[in-house]
Protein backbone atom coordinates (compact mmCIF):
# COMPACT_ATOMS: atom_id res chain seq x y z
CA MET A 1 7.48 -52.02 66.64
CA PRO A 2 9.42 -53.28 68.88
CA GLY A 3 11.32 -56.34 68.17
CA VAL A 4 9.96 -58.35 71.25
CA ALA A 5 6.47 -57.35 70.69
CA LEU A 6 6.10 -57.82 67.12
CA SER A 7 7.26 -61.72 67.53
CA HIS A 8 4.78 -62.07 70.46
CA LEU A 9 2.10 -61.02 68.17
CA ARG A 10 3.03 -63.29 65.27
CA GLU A 11 2.69 -65.81 67.90
CA GLU A 12 -0.41 -64.98 68.98
CA LEU A 13 -1.92 -64.99 65.33
CA GLU A 14 -0.21 -68.06 64.52
CA ILE A 15 -1.86 -70.08 67.43
CA VAL A 16 -4.95 -68.14 66.76
CA GLU A 17 -5.62 -67.79 63.06
CA GLY A 18 -2.73 -70.61 61.65
CA ASP A 19 0.60 -69.58 60.27
CA HIS A 20 -0.73 -68.65 56.75
CA ARG A 21 -3.36 -66.54 57.99
CA ALA A 22 -1.11 -64.95 60.45
CA ARG A 23 1.40 -63.85 57.87
CA THR A 24 -1.44 -62.86 55.81
CA MET A 25 -2.47 -60.31 58.60
CA LEU A 26 1.00 -59.22 59.62
CA TYR A 27 1.80 -57.75 56.10
CA ARG A 28 -1.78 -55.99 55.74
CA TYR A 29 -1.11 -54.63 59.43
CA GLY A 30 2.51 -53.40 58.14
CA GLN A 31 0.84 -52.32 55.52
CA ARG A 32 -1.69 -49.96 57.60
CA CYS A 33 1.57 -48.81 59.67
CA GLY A 34 3.25 -47.59 56.37
CA ARG A 35 0.37 -45.49 55.15
CA ALA A 36 -0.55 -44.45 58.81
CA LEU A 37 3.28 -43.07 59.32
CA VAL A 38 3.53 -41.27 55.52
CA GLU A 39 0.52 -39.50 56.15
CA SER A 40 1.06 -38.39 59.50
CA TYR A 41 4.22 -36.59 57.83
CA ALA A 42 1.98 -35.27 55.32
CA LEU A 43 4.65 -36.53 52.52
CA SER A 44 4.36 -37.11 48.62
CA CYS A 45 6.79 -38.18 45.79
CA ALA A 46 6.05 -38.29 41.96
CA SER A 47 8.18 -41.34 41.75
CA LEU A 48 9.91 -43.91 42.78
CA SER A 49 13.47 -42.20 42.35
CA GLU A 50 11.90 -39.50 44.67
CA VAL A 51 11.04 -42.19 47.76
CA LYS A 52 14.50 -43.33 46.95
CA SER A 53 15.73 -40.59 48.26
CA ILE A 54 13.46 -39.83 51.07
CA ILE A 55 12.79 -43.29 52.35
CA GLU A 56 15.78 -43.99 54.87
CA PRO A 57 14.90 -41.82 57.25
CA ILE A 58 11.18 -42.44 57.15
CA TRP A 59 11.85 -46.37 57.97
CA MET A 60 14.15 -46.12 60.50
CA GLU A 61 11.12 -44.67 62.63
CA ALA A 62 10.41 -48.32 63.19
CA GLY A 63 13.32 -50.09 64.36
CA LEU A 64 12.93 -52.70 61.85
CA SER A 65 15.95 -53.18 60.03
CA ARG A 66 18.64 -51.19 58.00
CA ILE A 67 17.75 -50.32 54.55
CA LYS A 68 19.59 -49.88 51.35
CA ILE A 69 17.76 -49.45 47.83
CA ASP A 70 19.61 -51.05 45.56
CA SER A 71 17.33 -49.67 42.24
CA ALA A 72 14.75 -47.79 41.19
CA GLU A 73 12.70 -47.64 38.11
CA GLU A 74 9.84 -46.62 36.64
CA SER A 75 7.06 -49.49 38.72
CA GLU A 76 9.74 -51.09 40.51
CA MET A 77 12.21 -51.04 42.83
CA MET A 78 15.07 -53.24 44.72
CA VAL A 79 15.43 -53.22 48.29
CA THR A 80 17.77 -54.81 50.53
CA LEU A 81 16.95 -54.64 54.03
CA GLU A 82 20.03 -55.96 57.05
CA GLU A 83 19.65 -57.27 60.27
CA SER A 84 16.11 -58.09 59.95
CA ILE A 85 14.55 -58.09 63.49
CA GLU A 86 11.48 -61.27 61.67
CA ALA A 87 14.32 -62.97 60.17
CA LYS A 88 16.44 -63.12 63.21
CA ASP A 89 13.52 -65.30 64.87
CA GLY A 90 13.54 -67.43 62.22
CA LYS A 91 10.68 -65.99 59.84
CA THR A 92 10.05 -64.14 56.58
CA CYS A 93 10.03 -60.80 56.71
CA GLU A 94 5.93 -60.23 56.35
CA PHE A 95 5.34 -56.97 58.89
CA ALA A 96 8.49 -55.57 56.80
CA LYS A 97 6.97 -56.13 53.28
CA GLY A 98 3.51 -54.68 54.89
CA TYR A 99 5.30 -51.27 55.85
CA LEU A 100 7.37 -51.04 53.01
CA SER A 101 4.65 -51.64 50.46
CA GLY A 102 2.25 -49.16 52.65
CA ILE A 103 4.50 -46.38 52.81
CA VAL A 104 5.54 -46.74 49.04
CA SER A 105 1.51 -46.78 48.30
CA GLU A 106 1.19 -43.79 50.10
CA LEU A 107 3.82 -42.11 49.26
CA THR A 108 3.65 -42.22 45.40
CA GLY A 109 -0.55 -42.43 45.19
CA LYS A 110 -0.12 -45.93 43.78
CA ARG A 111 -0.68 -49.35 45.16
CA TYR A 112 2.74 -51.43 45.34
CA GLU A 113 3.04 -54.71 46.56
CA VAL A 114 6.61 -56.34 47.96
CA GLU A 115 7.80 -59.77 47.47
CA GLU A 116 10.52 -61.17 49.18
CA VAL A 117 12.95 -62.65 46.96
CA GLU A 118 15.28 -63.42 49.33
CA CYS A 119 15.36 -63.56 53.58
CA ALA A 120 18.10 -63.93 55.93
CA SER A 121 16.09 -66.23 58.08
CA ASP A 122 16.62 -68.95 54.98
CA GLY A 123 20.32 -68.52 55.01
CA TYR A 124 20.93 -65.45 53.12
CA LEU A 125 23.36 -62.70 54.15
CA ALA A 126 20.70 -60.20 53.95
CA CYS A 127 16.75 -59.80 52.79
CA VAL A 128 15.81 -58.91 49.25
CA MET A 129 12.50 -57.05 48.74
CA GLN A 130 10.83 -56.48 45.55
CA VAL A 131 8.76 -53.13 45.00
CA TYR A 132 5.94 -53.19 41.91
CA GLU A 133 3.40 -51.12 41.29
CA VAL A 134 -0.13 -53.19 40.65
CA VAL A 135 -3.53 -52.27 38.83
CA ASP A 136 -5.50 -50.69 41.92
CA ASN A 137 -8.46 -52.81 41.70
CA LEU A 138 -10.21 -50.78 44.29
CA ARG A 139 -10.03 -47.07 42.71
CA ALA A 140 -13.09 -45.94 42.03
CA ALA A 141 -13.87 -44.92 38.78
CA LYS A 142 -16.10 -42.56 37.15
CA HIS A 143 -19.22 -43.29 34.69
CA ALA A 144 -20.79 -40.64 32.31
CA GLU A 145 -23.04 -39.29 34.58
CA LEU A 146 -26.62 -39.19 33.51
CA GLU A 147 -28.49 -35.82 33.76
CA THR A 148 -31.38 -37.28 35.41
CA ALA A 149 -32.46 -37.12 38.79
CA ARG A 150 -31.22 -40.02 41.34
CA LYS A 151 -34.51 -42.66 41.49
CA TYR A 152 -33.06 -43.37 45.23
CA ASN A 153 -32.10 -40.35 47.71
CA LEU A 154 -30.58 -42.47 50.53
CA GLU A 155 -29.79 -40.23 53.92
CA SER A 156 -25.87 -40.22 53.85
CA GLY A 157 -24.05 -41.52 56.90
CA TYR A 158 -26.29 -44.51 57.41
CA SER A 159 -26.19 -48.33 56.60
CA TYR A 160 -29.56 -50.29 55.43
CA LEU A 161 -30.93 -53.30 55.47
CA ILE A 162 -32.76 -54.37 52.26
CA LYS A 163 -34.74 -58.12 52.94
CA GLU A 164 -35.22 -59.10 49.69
CA GLU A 165 -34.56 -62.91 48.36
CA ILE A 166 -33.38 -61.88 45.18
CA PRO A 167 -31.01 -58.50 45.44
CA ASP A 168 -32.79 -56.96 42.45
CA GLN A 169 -33.48 -53.44 44.62
CA ALA A 170 -30.01 -53.34 46.54
CA PHE A 171 -28.41 -53.43 43.15
CA ASP A 172 -31.06 -51.02 41.56
CA ILE A 173 -30.01 -48.10 43.98
CA PHE A 174 -26.47 -49.14 43.45
CA VAL A 175 -26.26 -48.45 40.03
CA ASP A 176 -28.31 -45.96 40.48
CA ALA A 177 -25.50 -44.00 42.17
CA ALA A 178 -22.77 -45.45 40.17
CA LYS A 179 -24.32 -44.07 36.79
CA HIS A 180 -24.76 -40.29 38.83
CA GLY A 181 -21.28 -40.17 39.22
CA ILE A 182 -21.21 -41.28 43.11
CA PRO A 183 -17.87 -43.52 43.84
CA CYS A 184 -19.12 -47.13 44.76
CA LEU A 185 -17.80 -50.18 45.15
CA CYS A 186 -19.49 -53.55 44.85
CA VAL A 187 -19.06 -56.70 46.94
CA THR A 188 -20.62 -59.92 45.93
CA ARG A 189 -20.89 -63.79 46.37
CA GLU A 190 -21.80 -63.50 41.87
CA TYR A 191 -19.41 -63.30 39.59
CA PRO A 192 -18.65 -59.97 39.07
CA GLU A 193 -18.19 -60.15 35.33
CA LYS A 194 -21.44 -61.38 34.86
CA VAL A 195 -22.86 -58.44 37.35
CA LYS A 196 -21.11 -55.86 35.45
CA ASP A 197 -22.74 -57.33 32.11
CA ARG A 198 -26.18 -57.39 33.49
CA TRP A 199 -25.91 -53.82 35.26
CA ASP A 200 -23.68 -52.14 33.11
CA VAL A 201 -21.25 -51.18 35.33
CA LYS A 202 -18.26 -52.37 33.96
CA ALA A 203 -15.98 -49.48 35.40
CA THR A 204 -16.93 -49.72 38.99
CA PRO A 205 -14.34 -51.39 41.14
CA PHE A 206 -15.79 -55.27 42.42
CA LEU A 207 -14.53 -57.47 45.34
CA TRP A 208 -15.80 -61.25 44.76
CA LEU A 209 -16.44 -63.52 47.34
CA SER A 210 -15.12 -66.39 46.42
CA MET A 211 -12.12 -69.48 47.21
CA ASP A 212 -11.02 -69.00 43.69
CA GLN A 213 -8.09 -66.84 44.63
CA GLU A 214 -6.85 -66.52 41.04
CA ARG A 215 -8.61 -63.48 39.83
CA PRO A 216 -6.95 -60.06 41.33
CA TYR A 217 -10.37 -58.51 42.52
CA SER A 218 -11.07 -62.20 44.77
CA ARG A 219 -11.04 -62.30 48.56
CA ASP A 220 -11.66 -65.09 50.71
CA PRO A 221 -14.88 -65.07 52.65
CA SER A 222 -13.20 -66.21 55.55
CA ASN A 223 -10.79 -63.77 56.12
CA ILE A 224 -12.99 -61.22 57.54
CA ALA A 225 -10.08 -58.70 58.60
CA LEU A 226 -8.74 -58.33 55.20
CA LEU A 227 -12.53 -58.16 53.48
CA TYR A 228 -12.70 -55.08 56.65
CA SER A 229 -9.57 -53.77 55.84
CA ASP A 230 -10.61 -53.52 51.49
CA MET A 231 -13.58 -51.73 52.22
CA LYS A 232 -12.36 -49.73 55.26
CA THR A 233 -9.83 -48.34 52.62
CA PHE A 234 -12.09 -47.72 49.93
CA ILE A 235 -14.50 -45.88 52.61
CA THR A 236 -12.02 -43.59 53.95
CA GLU A 237 -10.28 -42.55 50.34
CA ASN A 238 -13.60 -42.23 48.51
CA GLN A 239 -16.18 -40.27 51.18
CA GLY A 240 -19.60 -39.93 50.61
CA CYS A 241 -19.07 -43.27 48.82
CA VAL A 242 -21.79 -45.99 48.44
CA VAL A 243 -20.85 -49.76 48.93
CA LEU A 244 -23.13 -52.68 48.36
CA LEU A 245 -22.59 -56.31 50.29
CA SER A 246 -24.48 -58.72 48.53
CA GLY A 247 -23.86 -62.28 49.81
CA ILE A 248 -24.12 -61.37 53.54
CA GLU A 249 -25.70 -65.09 53.99
CA TYR A 250 -22.49 -66.65 52.30
CA LEU A 251 -20.46 -64.96 54.83
CA ILE A 252 -22.57 -66.27 57.89
CA SER A 253 -21.80 -69.36 56.50
CA GLN A 254 -18.32 -69.07 56.47
CA ASN A 255 -17.21 -67.42 59.56
CA GLY A 256 -20.59 -67.66 62.09
CA PHE A 257 -23.00 -64.90 62.86
CA PRO A 258 -20.65 -62.90 65.30
CA LYS A 259 -17.99 -62.54 63.13
CA VAL A 260 -20.34 -61.13 60.57
CA LEU A 261 -22.24 -58.87 62.83
CA LYS A 262 -18.98 -57.16 64.35
CA LEU A 263 -17.73 -56.91 60.67
CA ILE A 264 -20.81 -54.71 60.16
CA GLN A 265 -20.73 -53.14 63.17
CA HIS A 266 -17.34 -51.76 62.12
CA LEU A 267 -18.16 -51.16 58.80
CA ASN A 268 -21.36 -49.07 60.09
CA ASP A 269 -18.90 -46.35 62.12
CA LYS A 270 -16.99 -45.92 59.44
CA ILE A 271 -20.05 -45.26 56.85
CA ALA A 272 -21.19 -42.97 59.77
CA VAL A 273 -18.08 -40.79 60.12
CA THR A 274 -17.43 -40.58 56.36
CA GLU A 275 -21.34 -39.58 54.84
CA SER A 276 -21.07 -42.76 52.86
CA THR A 277 -24.25 -45.18 52.37
CA LEU A 278 -23.73 -48.81 52.59
CA LEU A 279 -26.42 -51.54 51.37
CA VAL A 280 -26.74 -54.95 52.69
CA PRO A 281 -29.32 -57.07 50.86
CA ILE A 282 -30.30 -60.32 52.81
CA SER A 283 -32.48 -62.95 52.57
CA PRO A 284 -34.65 -63.20 55.78
CA LEU A 285 -35.21 -67.07 55.41
CA THR A 286 -31.78 -67.74 55.55
CA VAL A 287 -30.93 -66.39 59.04
CA GLN A 288 -32.45 -67.30 62.31
CA GLU A 289 -35.32 -64.67 63.66
CA THR A 290 -33.29 -63.42 66.18
CA GLU A 291 -30.04 -62.75 64.10
CA LEU A 292 -32.51 -60.51 61.99
CA LYS A 293 -33.27 -58.34 64.85
CA MET A 294 -29.47 -57.94 66.11
CA MET A 295 -29.20 -56.72 61.82
CA GLU A 296 -32.18 -54.21 62.12
CA LYS A 297 -30.84 -52.91 65.11
CA GLU A 298 -27.59 -52.09 63.64
CA LEU A 299 -29.17 -51.09 60.49
CA ARG A 300 -31.96 -49.11 58.95
CA SER A 301 -34.46 -51.15 57.27
CA PHE A 302 -35.25 -49.97 53.60
């Protein structure tokens, strides 16, 4: 991305979303761009040592900076970026961090995050990045498959609206899929550890809709873009999966109905092209009748 375009994008995001949200969105967008670039080349590496040997020509495609790998160990790499176009504008290198994270993650098939230890915008000679491996909380886990037939056989490629005051049936459908070997992701307002114990799905990945950001699986409910990015990644990487979005009422209270409806529409498209299944339980009494009708037009009623 040209420096001027990146600078303009950042300005627009800061105006619309505020500084903190803008930095997060730039990082996430950088990750997606980095992953997409590596995917287009169909490249892969078995270790960070291999990444070190091929990353420079890949990195130079974007024109973000010059890159130098200072060290590459088993699960950590130190990188120096010189002449960063973001730092020249007096900003931290959020897009470059995400871009580096995306490239390394896609090359290795593991999840790597990036922290900027030093930035030229703070007076340092160059920008120093720490690339480190983290546990992928969205990696689909395998349960011991039940030999019995599945209780529910919903048609794949569709999203389902399940109207109930307490989402017991939605969870029953979800657990039935998980215990029959289907890749599953649960997005919930309820504390995941309690849900895992109650439904005996301890190996299933969860995202918790919570303002408490101390847990690695926590997601800010007001950050729809980040939530969509995580859900989209899981759906894309696990075709034929089942995703449960429990807590839609909470998302509406934090973001307003139009934004949440748009989230569902985008997810619906991903569900369709990957032959996956989305479950959306909702308490009809918590939304207006017109809003419920709009959701019924987007989703199949179960």
